Amino acid sequence: MSLGLIVGFLLLATFGMPIAFALGAAALGAIALSDIEFSMLPQRMMHSVNSFPLMAIPFFMLAGEPMIKAGIVERLIDLANSIVGRVQGGLAHVTMLAGAGLATVSGAAASDASALSTILVPSLSKIYDKGFATALVAAAANLGPIIPPSAAMIVYAFMAGSTVSVGGMFMAGVIPGIVITIGFMLLASTITHRRGWGATGEPFRLAKVWFELKRSFIIFLMPLIVIGGIIVGAFTATEGSAIAVVYSLLIGLFITRRLKLSDLPGALIRAAITSGMVGALIAFASAVTFLLTVDLLPQKLTVLLQAMTSSPLVFNLLVAVLLFVVGMFMESNAAYIMLVPLLHPIALQYGLDPLHFGFLFVLNLVIGMLTPPVGVVLFVVCGITGVPMRVLVKSVWPFIALMYGVLFLCMFFPPMVTWLPHKLSY
């Protein structure tokens, strides 16, 4: 049954059927060829989405939109420019710091790519060539799902079950996120120096930095409240996401006063569409996962992999190769929903730390958002800037390579991922 189910899904997806419906149709076909009752399908679907933790996804998505409309990107850029604007490749550094700052608010790469492309690419293109300018923005936006809060980590934790907490996944991304940000900045310095692009920003002045810090304090207070509250157990991730929505509305309406009531319907609709897509994927994938479990596919995969290797490190490398291919051709949410229930239990059989494996899984697929042919961030940046895909891809490869370098560093040195969450008792 498993083979027919997988082949049916791949054929339907190849012919252009949306992933969620391809999963549902494949599950329906598999049930028709088995002795399982058709009533199982709606029951499994309803059970999978009837979950309080899942409400965190639309809330965090909704929280990011008012913050961006409120002008936080401009404030983050001004702060970063006051600190590093005058050094070699200063505007490139500003882009990376703005991306990291925005990641602490939105947690989604696509929305970050949209905001950063609109605001930064015109300025970047005056100093750097179009390919490098858009590559900088794409790389900076890809920090969104790595630095907490992260919608991708919420989906992973939900699909992995009780062995992984959202707070633990958030903390697992802190140190690697900082390392990647610093690595991006060093890489940008190297490229700008090699190509002869000099400093462009204002000279460093402590008074200016202090002024921008005071303007931006209200922005960084949100992740401190929300993530800090989740860490200390003051509220759950779902409750924290609702607090983030209220906080972002207060900032936009009463602090910066750039958010208008007329902006809210569009933000609600976009959050509803994205959440509906994720919900449909989870619902249909739960039926597929159930059928694969009935057919004992996870156990068969475990036996097969353990026959191939008994090394947890080799298993991690095999998963990395699989996710490299999957990330090139499949939307990341679909990959989480389909593969986490299969691979996460096997990782536990190998004795891997669930937070370590979970973060490596997420980082693998986050990198996939920058790799063609189905890199979501690439499409967003190209769509907004009008830069041809081939030009962007040619310039973004060094940043992809650096992210893979950090991925393998995390793989071979687990404390880089696990030290902070374990220090906080996750």
Protein backbone atom coordinates (compact mmCIF):
# COMPACT_ATOMS: atom_id res chain seq x y z
CA MET A 1 0.00 0.00 0.00
CA SER A 2 2.81 2.42 0.90
CA LEU A 3 4.46 2.15 -2.52
CA GLY A 4 1.20 2.77 -4.38
CA LEU A 5 0.38 5.70 -2.10
CA ILE A 6 3.78 7.34 -2.63
CA VAL A 7 3.79 6.74 -6.40
CA GLY A 8 0.25 8.08 -6.71
CA PHE A 9 1.14 11.23 -4.81
CA LEU A 10 4.29 11.84 -6.88
CA LEU A 11 2.39 11.39 -10.16
CA LEU A 12 -0.38 13.79 -9.14
CA ALA A 13 2.10 16.39 -7.87
CA THR A 14 4.18 16.06 -11.04
CA PHE A 15 1.13 16.81 -13.18
CA GLY A 16 0.54 20.03 -11.28
CA MET A 17 -2.06 19.15 -8.65
CA PRO A 18 -1.54 21.25 -5.46
CA ILE A 19 0.45 19.30 -2.88
CA ALA A 20 -2.36 19.21 -0.30
CA PHE A 21 -4.91 17.84 -2.78
CA ALA A 22 -2.39 15.40 -4.23
CA LEU A 23 -1.92 14.01 -0.72
CA GLY A 24 -5.69 13.74 -0.20
CA ALA A 25 -6.34 12.09 -3.56
CA ALA A 26 -3.51 9.59 -3.02
CA ALA A 27 -4.88 8.74 0.44
CA LEU A 28 -8.38 8.31 -1.00
CA GLY A 29 -7.06 5.97 -3.70
CA ALA A 30 -5.11 3.92 -1.17
CA ILE A 31 -8.19 3.55 1.05
CA ALA A 32 -10.24 2.41 -1.96
CA LEU A 33 -7.73 -0.39 -2.58
CA SER A 34 -7.63 -1.47 1.08
CA ASP A 35 -10.12 -2.70 3.65
CA ILE A 36 -9.95 0.53 5.66
CA GLU A 37 -13.23 2.43 6.11
CA PHE A 38 -13.61 5.69 4.15
CA SER A 39 -14.88 7.36 7.32
CA MET A 40 -11.28 7.27 8.57
CA LEU A 41 -10.27 10.07 6.20
CA PRO A 42 -12.42 12.93 7.60
CA GLN A 43 -11.87 11.70 11.16
CA ARG A 44 -8.07 11.80 10.82
CA MET A 45 -8.17 15.15 9.05
CA MET A 46 -10.36 16.79 11.67
CA HIS A 47 -8.36 15.35 14.55
CA SER A 48 -5.05 16.62 13.12
CA VAL A 49 -6.11 20.26 12.76
CA ASN A 50 -8.22 20.44 15.93
CA SER A 51 -5.17 21.57 17.90
CA PHE A 52 -4.57 24.55 20.19
CA PRO A 53 -0.78 24.77 19.42
CA LEU A 54 -1.51 25.16 15.69
CA MET A 55 -3.18 28.52 16.38
CA ALA A 56 0.29 29.97 16.98
CA ILE A 57 1.00 29.83 13.24
CA PRO A 58 -1.68 32.31 12.05
CA PHE A 59 -1.07 34.58 15.06
CA PHE A 60 2.69 34.86 14.46
CA MET A 61 2.05 35.44 10.74
CA LEU A 62 -0.49 38.11 11.58
CA ALA A 63 1.83 39.78 14.11
CA GLY A 64 4.55 40.34 11.53
CA GLU A 65 2.41 42.22 9.01
CA PRO A 66 1.38 45.18 11.24
CA MET A 67 4.96 45.50 12.48
CA ILE A 68 6.26 45.81 8.92
CA LYS A 69 3.49 48.27 8.01
CA ALA A 70 4.34 50.24 11.16
CA GLY A 71 7.76 51.12 9.75
CA ILE A 72 9.96 48.86 11.86
CA VAL A 73 12.12 47.92 8.86
CA GLU A 74 13.12 51.55 8.37
CA ARG A 75 13.97 51.89 12.07
CA LEU A 76 16.04 48.69 11.99
CA ILE A 77 17.88 49.95 8.91
CA ASP A 78 18.61 53.29 10.58
CA LEU A 79 19.94 51.51 13.68
CA ALA A 80 22.14 49.15 11.66
CA ASN A 81 23.39 52.01 9.50
CA SER A 82 24.42 54.01 12.57
CA ILE A 83 26.54 51.07 13.77
CA VAL A 84 28.12 49.53 10.66
CA GLY A 85 27.19 51.84 7.80
CA ARG A 86 30.67 53.29 7.37
CA VAL A 87 32.71 50.07 7.33
CA GLN A 88 33.73 48.14 4.19
CA GLY A 89 30.51 46.84 2.62
CA GLY A 90 28.52 48.89 5.12
CA LEU A 91 25.17 48.77 3.34
CA ALA A 92 25.53 45.00 2.93
CA HIS A 93 26.06 44.74 6.70
CA VAL A 94 23.05 46.96 7.27
CA THR A 95 20.97 44.57 5.16
CA MET A 96 22.07 41.56 7.21
CA LEU A 97 21.46 43.24 10.56
CA ALA A 98 18.07 44.50 9.39
CA GLY A 99 17.20 40.96 8.29
CA ALA A 100 18.24 39.55 11.66
CA GLY A 101 16.26 42.22 13.50
CA LEU A 102 13.19 41.61 11.36
CA ALA A 103 13.52 37.87 11.99
CA THR A 104 12.93 38.45 15.71
CA VAL A 105 9.55 39.92 14.84
CA SER A 106 8.11 38.05 11.86
CA GLY A 107 9.63 34.54 11.75
CA ALA A 108 8.75 34.01 8.06
CA ALA A 109 11.22 34.30 5.19
CA ALA A 110 8.72 35.20 2.46
CA SER A 111 7.27 38.24 4.23
CA ASP A 112 10.77 39.39 5.25
CA ALA A 113 11.93 39.06 1.64
CA SER A 114 9.01 41.19 0.49
CA ALA A 115 9.66 43.97 3.02
CA LEU A 116 13.45 44.05 2.58
CA SER A 117 13.25 43.91 -1.23
CA THR A 118 10.86 46.83 -1.40
CA ILE A 119 12.86 49.05 0.94
CA LEU A 120 16.52 48.10 0.46
CA VAL A 121 17.07 46.95 -3.12
CA PRO A 122 16.75 50.47 -4.67
CA SER A 123 19.51 51.76 -2.35
CA LEU A 124 21.66 48.65 -2.69
CA SER A 125 21.44 48.79 -6.50
CA LYS A 126 22.99 52.27 -6.53
CA ILE A 127 26.18 50.88 -4.96
CA TYR A 128 26.33 47.20 -5.92
CA ASP A 129 25.28 45.33 -9.04
CA LYS A 130 21.70 44.05 -9.18
CA GLY A 131 22.63 40.41 -8.68
CA PHE A 132 24.60 41.02 -5.49
CA ALA A 133 22.01 43.49 -4.17
CA THR A 134 19.17 41.00 -4.51
CA ALA A 135 21.32 38.14 -3.19
CA LEU A 136 21.99 40.16 -0.03
CA VAL A 137 18.27 40.68 0.52
CA ALA A 138 17.42 37.03 -0.18
CA ALA A 139 20.09 35.82 2.27
CA ALA A 140 19.00 38.30 4.96
CA ALA A 141 15.35 37.29 4.57
CA ASN A 142 16.29 33.64 4.99
CA LEU A 143 17.29 34.36 8.59
CA GLY A 144 13.55 34.64 9.39
CA PRO A 145 12.83 30.94 10.05
CA ILE A 146 16.15 30.41 11.92
CA ILE A 147 16.11 33.20 14.51
CA PRO A 148 13.13 32.88 16.89
CA PRO A 149 10.21 33.19 16.70
CA SER A 150 9.97 30.85 13.72
CA ALA A 151 6.82 29.55 12.06
CA ALA A 152 8.84 26.65 10.60
CA MET A 153 9.92 25.54 14.07
CA ILE A 154 6.32 25.67 15.30
CA VAL A 155 5.24 23.36 12.46
CA TYR A 156 8.15 21.00 13.15
CA ALA A 157 7.43 20.84 16.90
CA PHE A 158 3.75 20.15 16.21
CA MET A 159 4.51 17.35 13.74
CA ALA A 160 7.18 15.82 16.02
CA GLY A 161 4.82 15.56 18.99
CA SER A 162 5.62 15.69 22.68
CA THR A 163 9.35 14.94 22.30
CA VAL A 164 10.03 18.48 21.01
CA SER A 165 8.85 21.78 22.50
CA VAL A 166 8.37 25.03 20.60
CA GLY A 167 10.43 26.92 23.18
CA GLY A 168 13.26 24.43 22.86
CA MET A 169 13.26 24.73 19.08
CA PHE A 170 13.29 28.52 19.35
CA MET A 171 16.34 28.46 21.64
CA ALA A 172 18.11 25.93 19.41
CA GLY A 173 18.14 28.51 16.62
CA VAL A 174 19.69 31.39 18.58
CA ILE A 175 23.42 30.56 18.39
CA PRO A 176 23.37 29.20 14.80
CA GLY A 177 21.31 32.24 13.76
CA ILE A 178 23.93 34.60 15.19
CA VAL A 179 26.74 32.60 13.56
CA ILE A 180 25.03 32.69 10.16
CA THR A 181 24.41 36.45 10.45
CA ILE A 182 28.06 37.14 11.29
CA GLY A 183 29.16 34.76 8.53
CA PHE A 184 26.97 36.59 6.00
CA MET A 185 28.53 39.90 7.05
CA LEU A 186 32.09 38.57 6.71
CA LEU A 187 31.23 37.09 3.32
CA ALA A 188 29.73 40.39 2.19
CA SER A 189 32.88 42.23 3.33
CA THR A 190 35.06 39.84 1.33
CA ILE A 191 32.98 40.21 -1.83
CA THR A 192 32.71 44.00 -1.62
CA HIS A 193 36.46 44.34 -0.95
CA ARG A 194 37.31 42.08 -3.90
CA ARG A 195 35.04 44.07 -6.22
CA GLY A 196 36.23 47.47 -4.98
CA TRP A 197 32.98 48.67 -3.43
CA GLY A 198 33.90 51.08 -0.63
CA ALA A 199 32.19 52.44 2.48
CA THR A 200 29.01 54.44 1.93
CA GLY A 201 27.27 55.21 5.23
CA GLU A 202 27.64 57.93 7.81
CA PRO A 203 30.67 57.94 10.16
CA PHE A 204 30.14 56.15 13.48
CA ARG A 205 28.84 58.49 16.18
CA LEU A 206 27.91 57.20 19.62
CA ALA A 207 25.19 59.82 20.01
CA LYS A 208 23.56 58.68 16.78
CA VAL A 209 23.73 55.02 17.83
CA TRP A 210 22.14 55.85 21.19
CA PHE A 211 19.37 57.82 19.48
CA GLU A 212 18.57 54.93 17.12
CA LEU A 213 18.69 52.41 19.96
CA LYS A 214 16.09 54.41 21.86
CA ARG A 215 13.89 54.57 18.73
CA SER A 216 14.22 50.81 18.18
CA PHE A 217 13.86 49.69 21.80
CA ILE A 218 10.10 49.34 21.46
CA ILE A 219 10.64 46.92 18.55
CA PHE A 220 13.05 44.60 20.36
CA LEU A 221 10.84 44.62 23.43
CA MET A 222 8.30 42.44 21.61
CA PRO A 223 10.54 39.38 21.09
CA LEU A 224 11.88 39.83 24.61
CA ILE A 225 8.36 39.70 26.04
CA VAL A 226 7.00 36.97 23.78
CA ILE A 227 9.99 34.62 23.60
CA GLY A 228 11.02 35.35 27.18
CA GLY A 229 7.51 34.56 28.37
CA ILE A 230 7.50 31.26 26.50
CA ILE A 231 10.92 30.33 27.91
CA VAL A 232 10.06 31.01 31.55
CA GLY A 233 6.68 29.32 31.20
CA ALA A 234 4.57 32.43 31.75
CA PHE A 235 2.45 31.46 28.74
CA THR A 236 2.39 28.97 25.89
CA ALA A 237 3.62 29.62 22.36
CA THR A 238 0.02 30.07 21.22
CA GLU A 239 -0.73 32.61 23.94
CA GLY A 240 2.58 34.34 23.19
CA SER A 241 1.65 34.62 19.52
CA ALA A 242 -1.65 36.29 20.44
CA ILE A 243 0.24 38.74 22.69
CA ALA A 244 2.55 39.48 19.74
CA VAL A 245 -0.47 40.42 17.59
CA VAL A 246 -1.79 42.84 20.23
CA TYR A 247 1.68 44.32 20.75
CA SER A 248 2.23 44.87 17.02
CA LEU A 249 -1.15 46.58 16.70
CA LEU A 250 -0.37 48.89 19.62
CA ILE A 251 2.99 49.86 18.09
CA GLY A 252 1.55 50.47 14.63
CA LEU A 253 -1.54 52.36 15.73
CA PHE A 254 -0.25 54.39 18.68
CA ILE A 255 3.58 54.51 18.65
CA THR A 256 4.68 54.89 15.01
CA ARG A 257 1.10 55.69 13.86
CA ARG A 258 1.88 54.39 10.38
CA LEU A 259 -0.51 51.46 10.59
CA LYS A 260 -4.01 52.22 9.37
CA LEU A 261 -7.21 50.38 10.12
CA SER A 262 -7.61 49.91 6.38
CA ASP A 263 -4.41 47.79 6.40
CA LEU A 264 -5.92 45.21 8.73
CA PRO A 265 -8.34 43.41 6.36
CA GLY A 266 -5.54 42.66 3.90
CA ALA A 267 -3.27 41.40 6.69
CA LEU A 268 -6.06 39.18 8.03
CA ILE A 269 -6.77 37.75 4.58
CA ARG A 270 -3.10 37.00 3.87
CA ALA A 271 -2.66 35.33 7.28
CA ALA A 272 -5.86 33.32 6.70
CA ILE A 273 -4.74 32.15 3.25
CA THR A 274 -1.32 31.03 4.49
CA SER A 275 -2.80 29.36 7.57
CA GLY A 276 -5.43 27.65 5.43
CA MET A 277 -2.71 26.25 3.17
CA VAL A 278 -0.78 24.91 6.15
CA GLY A 279 -3.97 23.52 7.71
CA ALA A 280 -4.97 21.73 4.51
CA LEU A 281 -1.50 20.24 4.19
CA ILE A 282 -1.59 19.00 7.79
CA ALA A 283 -5.10 17.58 7.41
CA PHE A 284 -4.42 15.60 4.23
CA ALA A 285 -0.92 14.59 5.31
CA SER A 286 -2.29 13.16 8.56
CA ALA A 287 -4.38 10.70 6.55
CA VAL A 288 -1.33 9.72 4.50
CA THR A 289 0.79 9.36 7.65
CA PHE A 290 -1.87 7.14 9.21
CA LEU A 291 -1.94 4.86 6.16
CA LEU A 292 1.85 4.63 6.08
CA THR A 293 1.85 3.80 9.79
CA VAL A 294 -0.77 1.09 9.29
CA ASP A 295 1.50 -0.36 6.59
CA LEU A 296 4.43 -0.23 9.10
CA LEU A 297 6.52 1.98 6.79
CA PRO A 298 8.33 3.82 9.65
CA GLN A 299 9.42 0.49 11.14
CA LYS A 300 10.53 -0.79 7.73
CA LEU A 301 12.51 2.39 7.09
CA THR A 302 14.13 2.09 10.51
CA VAL A 303 15.22 -1.48 9.82
CA LEU A 304 16.51 -0.53 6.36
CA LEU A 305 18.51 2.46 7.59
CA GLN A 306 19.93 0.61 10.57
CA ALA A 307 21.00 -2.17 8.22
CA MET A 308 22.81 0.45 6.12
CA THR A 309 24.50 2.19 9.06
CA SER A 310 24.49 2.20 12.85
CA SER A 311 26.10 5.65 13.00
CA PRO A 312 23.88 8.59 14.03
CA LEU A 313 26.22 10.91 12.13
CA VAL A 314 25.85 8.95 8.89
CA PHE A 315 22.07 8.96 9.40
CA ASN A 316 22.16 12.75 9.75
CA LEU A 317 24.20 12.98 6.55
CA LEU A 318 21.72 10.76 4.68
CA VAL A 319 18.82 12.93 5.89
CA ALA A 320 20.73 16.05 4.80
CA VAL A 321 21.13 14.63 1.27
CA LEU A 322 17.43 13.72 1.17
CA LEU A 323 16.35 17.17 2.35
CA PHE A 324 18.72 18.87 -0.09
CA VAL A 325 16.85 17.19 -2.95
CA VAL A 326 13.41 17.68 -1.36
CA GLY A 327 14.13 21.36 -0.66
CA MET A 328 14.91 21.99 -4.31
CA PHE A 329 11.54 20.71 -5.50
CA MET A 330 9.02 20.93 -2.65
CA GLU A 331 7.57 23.78 -0.60
CA SER A 332 9.02 23.61 2.92
CA ASN A 333 5.74 23.34 4.87
CA ALA A 334 4.74 20.33 2.77
CA ALA A 335 8.13 18.75 3.47
CA TYR A 336 7.77 19.23 7.25
CA ILE A 337 4.29 17.79 7.29
CA MET A 338 5.15 14.77 5.14
CA LEU A 339 8.61 13.85 6.40
CA VAL A 340 8.80 14.76 10.10
CA PRO A 341 6.40 11.97 11.21
CA LEU A 342 8.55 9.47 9.28
CA LEU A 343 12.07 10.64 10.08
CA HIS A 344 11.77 12.04 13.61
CA PRO A 345 10.96 8.66 15.25
CA ILE A 346 13.88 7.06 13.38
CA ALA A 347 16.20 9.79 14.69
CA LEU A 348 15.11 8.90 18.23
CA GLN A 349 15.92 5.24 17.51
CA TYR A 350 19.46 6.35 16.66
CA GLY A 351 19.69 8.11 20.01
CA LEU A 352 19.87 11.60 18.51
CA ASP A 353 18.90 14.61 20.60
CA PRO A 354 15.41 15.55 19.31
CA LEU A 355 16.21 19.29 19.41
CA HIS A 356 19.49 18.77 17.56
CA PHE A 357 17.88 16.67 14.83
CA GLY A 358 14.90 19.03 14.66
CA PHE A 359 17.04 22.11 14.13
CA LEU A 360 19.16 20.39 11.47
CA PHE A 361 15.94 19.36 9.72
CA VAL A 362 14.60 22.92 9.77
CA LEU A 363 17.90 24.47 8.65
CA ASN A 364 18.12 22.01 5.75
CA LEU A 365 14.72 23.10 4.45
CA VAL A 366 15.35 26.79 5.15
CA ILE A 367 18.38 26.56 2.86
CA GLY A 368 16.06 24.94 0.31
CA MET A 369 14.09 28.20 0.23
CA LEU A 370 17.16 29.75 -1.45
CA THR A 371 17.85 26.93 -3.92
CA PRO A 372 16.29 26.72 -7.38
CA PRO A 373 14.06 25.61 -8.99
CA VAL A 374 11.44 26.00 -6.19
CA GLY A 375 13.13 28.48 -3.86
CA VAL A 376 10.27 30.53 -2.42
CA VAL A 377 12.51 33.41 -1.33
CA LEU A 378 14.07 33.59 -4.79
CA PHE A 379 10.64 33.93 -6.42
CA VAL A 380 9.55 36.66 -3.99
CA VAL A 381 12.72 38.72 -4.50
CA CYS A 382 12.69 38.31 -8.29
CA GLY A 383 9.00 39.14 -8.46
CA ILE A 384 9.41 42.41 -6.56
CA THR A 385 12.72 43.59 -8.04
CA GLY A 386 12.31 42.33 -11.61
CA VAL A 387 15.82 40.80 -11.54
CA PRO A 388 16.03 37.62 -13.68
CA MET A 389 16.23 34.40 -11.68
CA ARG A 390 19.53 33.36 -13.30
CA VAL A 391 21.17 36.64 -12.20
CA LEU A 392 20.02 36.20 -8.59
CA VAL A 393 20.99 32.51 -8.46
CA LYS A 394 24.48 33.29 -9.76
CA SER A 395 25.06 35.75 -6.91
CA VAL A 396 23.31 33.90 -4.07
CA TRP A 397 25.37 30.67 -4.22
CA PRO A 398 28.12 31.91 -1.82
CA PHE A 399 25.46 32.56 0.83
CA ILE A 400 23.93 29.11 0.27
CA ALA A 401 27.38 27.54 0.62
CA LEU A 402 27.96 29.40 3.89
CA MET A 403 24.63 28.17 5.28
CA TYR A 404 25.59 24.60 4.39
CA GLY A 405 28.91 25.17 6.15
CA VAL A 406 27.04 26.19 9.32
CA LEU A 407 24.70 23.21 8.87
CA PHE A 408 27.62 20.78 8.90
CA LEU A 409 29.26 22.66 11.78
CA CYS A 410 26.06 22.18 13.79
CA MET A 411 25.89 18.55 12.72
CA PHE A 412 29.46 17.74 13.82
CA PHE A 413 29.34 19.95 16.93
CA PRO A 414 25.87 19.43 18.52
CA PRO A 415 26.42 21.74 21.56
CA MET A 416 26.26 24.66 19.14
CA VAL A 417 22.54 23.83 18.85
CA THR A 418 21.73 22.12 22.13
CA TRP A 419 23.74 24.07 24.72
CA LEU A 420 21.33 26.99 25.13
CA PRO A 421 18.04 25.02 25.22
CA HIS A 422 19.54 22.49 27.64
CA LYS A 423 20.90 25.32 29.78
CA LEU A 424 17.29 26.55 29.97
CA SER A 425 16.09 23.01 30.84
CA TYR A 426 14.50 22.12 27.50
